[in-house]
Amino acid sequence: MLVPLYGFLQGDTIGLMVLVRDHDKVGDVAECLQQAASVRVAPKRNARVYFKGQALDPERTVAEVGLAALDRVDVVEEEP
């Protein structure tokens, strides 16, 4: 199932809406958001997805972490 998410990328001035599938991994969500904002912000290797202030495991799926339609996620660069 498609899940529309609001995404905010550290360093960007615009929030984005991306469509992901419930079986996509959280790490793929970070890549998708970074790709969508790449004209304004260079992609980061150590990007992490946060939901409600909690870092999400990049290996778990969107459904497993409980993301639902129109939830807000933040992509933040982590220290290597």
C-alpha atoms as a PDB file:
ATOM      1  CA  MET A   1       0.000   0.000   0.000  1.00  0.00           C
ATOM      2  CA  LEU A   2       1.197   3.532  -0.742  1.00  0.00           C
ATOM      3  CA  VAL A   3       1.825   5.787   2.262  1.00  0.00           C
ATOM      4  CA  PRO A   4       2.144   9.562   1.731  1.00  0.00           C
ATOM      5  CA  LEU A   5       4.581  11.091   4.229  1.00  0.00           C
ATOM      6  CA  TYR A   6       5.569  14.666   4.971  1.00  0.00           C
ATOM      7  CA  GLY A   7       9.334  14.836   5.040  1.00  0.00           C
ATOM      8  CA  PHE A   8      11.658  17.530   6.291  1.00  0.00           C
ATOM      9  CA  LEU A   9      15.333  17.306   5.434  1.00  0.00           C
ATOM     10  CA  GLN A  10      17.929  18.976   7.630  1.00  0.00           C
ATOM     11  CA  GLY A  11      19.277  21.986   5.751  1.00  0.00           C
ATOM     12  CA  ASP A  12      16.307  22.309   3.404  1.00  0.00           C
ATOM     13  CA  THR A  13      13.768  25.125   3.590  1.00  0.00           C
ATOM     14  CA  ILE A  14      10.874  23.228   2.040  1.00  0.00           C
ATOM     15  CA  GLY A  15       8.896  20.302   3.397  1.00  0.00           C
ATOM     16  CA  LEU A  16       8.260  17.524   0.904  1.00  0.00           C
ATOM     17  CA  MET A  17       5.562  14.948   0.419  1.00  0.00           C
ATOM     18  CA  VAL A  18       6.790  11.567  -0.732  1.00  0.00           C
ATOM     19  CA  LEU A  19       4.927   8.394  -1.554  1.00  0.00           C
ATOM     20  CA  VAL A  20       6.487   5.243  -0.149  1.00  0.00           C
ATOM     21  CA  ARG A  21       5.223   1.709   0.140  1.00  0.00           C
ATOM     22  CA  ASP A  22       4.456   0.162   3.509  1.00  0.00           C
ATOM     23  CA  HIS A  23       7.011  -2.591   2.799  1.00  0.00           C
ATOM     24  CA  ASP A  24       9.825  -0.091   1.996  1.00  0.00           C
ATOM     25  CA  LYS A  25      12.633   0.138   4.531  1.00  0.00           C
ATOM     26  CA  VAL A  26      13.039   3.287   6.589  1.00  0.00           C
ATOM     27  CA  GLY A  27      16.503   3.729   5.048  1.00  0.00           C
ATOM     28  CA  ASP A  28      14.829   3.889   1.641  1.00  0.00           C
ATOM     29  CA  VAL A  29      12.583   6.690   2.919  1.00  0.00           C
ATOM     30  CA  ALA A  30      15.696   8.711   3.823  1.00  0.00           C
ATOM     31  CA  GLU A  31      17.123   8.138   0.345  1.00  0.00           C
ATOM     32  CA  CYS A  32      13.828   9.078  -1.328  1.00  0.00           C
ATOM     33  CA  LEU A  33      13.580  12.349   0.583  1.00  0.00           C
ATOM     34  CA  GLN A  34      17.208  13.199  -0.092  1.00  0.00           C
ATOM     35  CA  GLN A  35      16.758  12.534  -3.796  1.00  0.00           C
ATOM     36  CA  ALA A  36      13.679  14.757  -3.920  1.00  0.00           C
ATOM     37  CA  ALA A  37      15.575  17.624  -2.266  1.00  0.00           C
ATOM     38  CA  SER A  38      18.887  17.098  -4.065  1.00  0.00           C
ATOM     39  CA  VAL A  39      18.498  20.270  -6.154  1.00  0.00           C
ATOM     40  CA  ARG A  40      18.666  22.285  -2.910  1.00  0.00           C
ATOM     41  CA  VAL A  41      20.569  20.080  -0.440  1.00  0.00           C
ATOM     42  CA  ALA A  42      23.387  17.621  -1.120  1.00  0.00           C
ATOM     43  CA  PRO A  43      22.564  14.069   0.021  1.00  0.00           C
ATOM     44  CA  LYS A  44      24.262  12.890   3.223  1.00  0.00           C
ATOM     45  CA  ARG A  45      25.694   9.425   3.761  1.00  0.00           C
ATOM     46  CA  ASN A  46      24.777   9.217   7.423  1.00  0.00           C
ATOM     47  CA  ALA A  47      21.169  10.369   7.202  1.00  0.00           C
ATOM     48  CA  ARG A  48      18.765   9.093   9.847  1.00  0.00           C
ATOM     49  CA  VAL A  49      14.962   9.200   9.880  1.00  0.00           C
ATOM     50  CA  TYR A  50      13.245  10.509  13.012  1.00  0.00           C
ATOM     51  CA  PHE A  51       9.576  10.184  13.894  1.00  0.00           C
ATOM     52  CA  LYS A  52       8.164  11.996  16.920  1.00  0.00           C
ATOM     53  CA  GLY A  53      11.698  12.646  18.166  1.00  0.00           C
ATOM     54  CA  GLN A  54      12.797   9.009  17.970  1.00  0.00           C
ATOM     55  CA  ALA A  55      15.391   7.665  15.542  1.00  0.00           C
ATOM     56  CA  LEU A  56      13.990   4.832  13.440  1.00  0.00           C
ATOM     57  CA  ASP A  57      15.853   1.644  12.579  1.00  0.00           C
ATOM     58  CA  PRO A  58      16.763   1.946   8.867  1.00  0.00           C
ATOM     59  CA  GLU A  59      16.344  -1.815   8.367  1.00  0.00           C
ATOM     60  CA  ARG A  60      12.715  -1.951   9.528  1.00  0.00           C
ATOM     61  CA  THR A  61       9.822  -1.320   7.167  1.00  0.00           C
ATOM     62  CA  VAL A  62       7.468   1.629   7.140  1.00  0.00           C
ATOM     63  CA  ALA A  63       4.671  -0.623   8.429  1.00  0.00           C
ATOM     64  CA  GLU A  64       6.842  -2.128  11.191  1.00  0.00           C
ATOM     65  CA  VAL A  65       7.694   1.267  12.672  1.00  0.00           C
ATOM     66  CA  GLY A  66       4.053   2.358  12.514  1.00  0.00           C
ATOM     67  CA  LEU A  67       4.250   5.176   9.976  1.00  0.00           C
ATOM     68  CA  ALA A  68       0.847   6.088   8.563  1.00  0.00           C
ATOM     69  CA  ALA A  69      -0.524   8.446   5.928  1.00  0.00           C
ATOM     70  CA  LEU A  70       0.478  12.085   6.400  1.00  0.00           C
ATOM     71  CA  ASP A  71       2.869  11.417   9.288  1.00  0.00           C
ATOM     72  CA  ARG A  72       5.826  13.782   9.519  1.00  0.00           C
ATOM     73  CA  VAL A  73       9.360  12.406   9.401  1.00  0.00           C
ATOM     74  CA  ASP A  74      12.615  14.322   9.735  1.00  0.00           C
ATOM     75  CA  VAL A  75      15.854  13.302   8.024  1.00  0.00           C
ATOM     76  CA  VAL A  76      18.898  14.401   9.990  1.00  0.00           C
ATOM     77  CA  GLU A  77      22.589  13.861   9.341  1.00  0.00           C
ATOM     78  CA  GLU A  78      24.183  11.762  12.080  1.00  0.00           C
ATOM     79  CA  GLU A  79      27.828  11.897  13.117  1.00  0.00           C
ATOM     80  CA  PRO A  80      29.818   9.098  11.440  1.00  0.00           C
END
